[in-house]
């Protein structure tokens, strides 16, 4: 769920607040027990799938050539159509971007998740979820 949208859904905000409070409590206990080192860290990233359907990935300029056979769940044929994040966006999750994990893998609507991990004990000390991949490397925010 994108950062902008999480603020629109009160139940999601409550769950996020509980999870963040738990994360901070565990981190505080690790600090108190001297389990955190400030010498060696690793940044690990991954693509996290969006809950949006690939069918929601439509042209931004709204040029739909064929009317849907079923407005609620239209049949979509992407074969031969050139799609990119510059020309298309998800109608249900506009923060998600189409990305693939590797060469030859299918493209999915995704977010970019990063973890900052303390190496001595393998503890996560920061976490962030960004808008979908941009094709450039991202730095973990301070």
Foldseek 3Di string as FASTA:
>chain_A
DDPVVCVVDVVSVVVVVVVVVVLVVVVVVCVVVVVFDPPDKDKDKDWDADPADPVQWAFPVPPDPDDFPDVVDGDDDCPPPDDALVGIAGPVDRLWGWDAPDPPGHTGGTWMKMFIFGPPNGHTDDIDIHRYDPPDDDDDDD
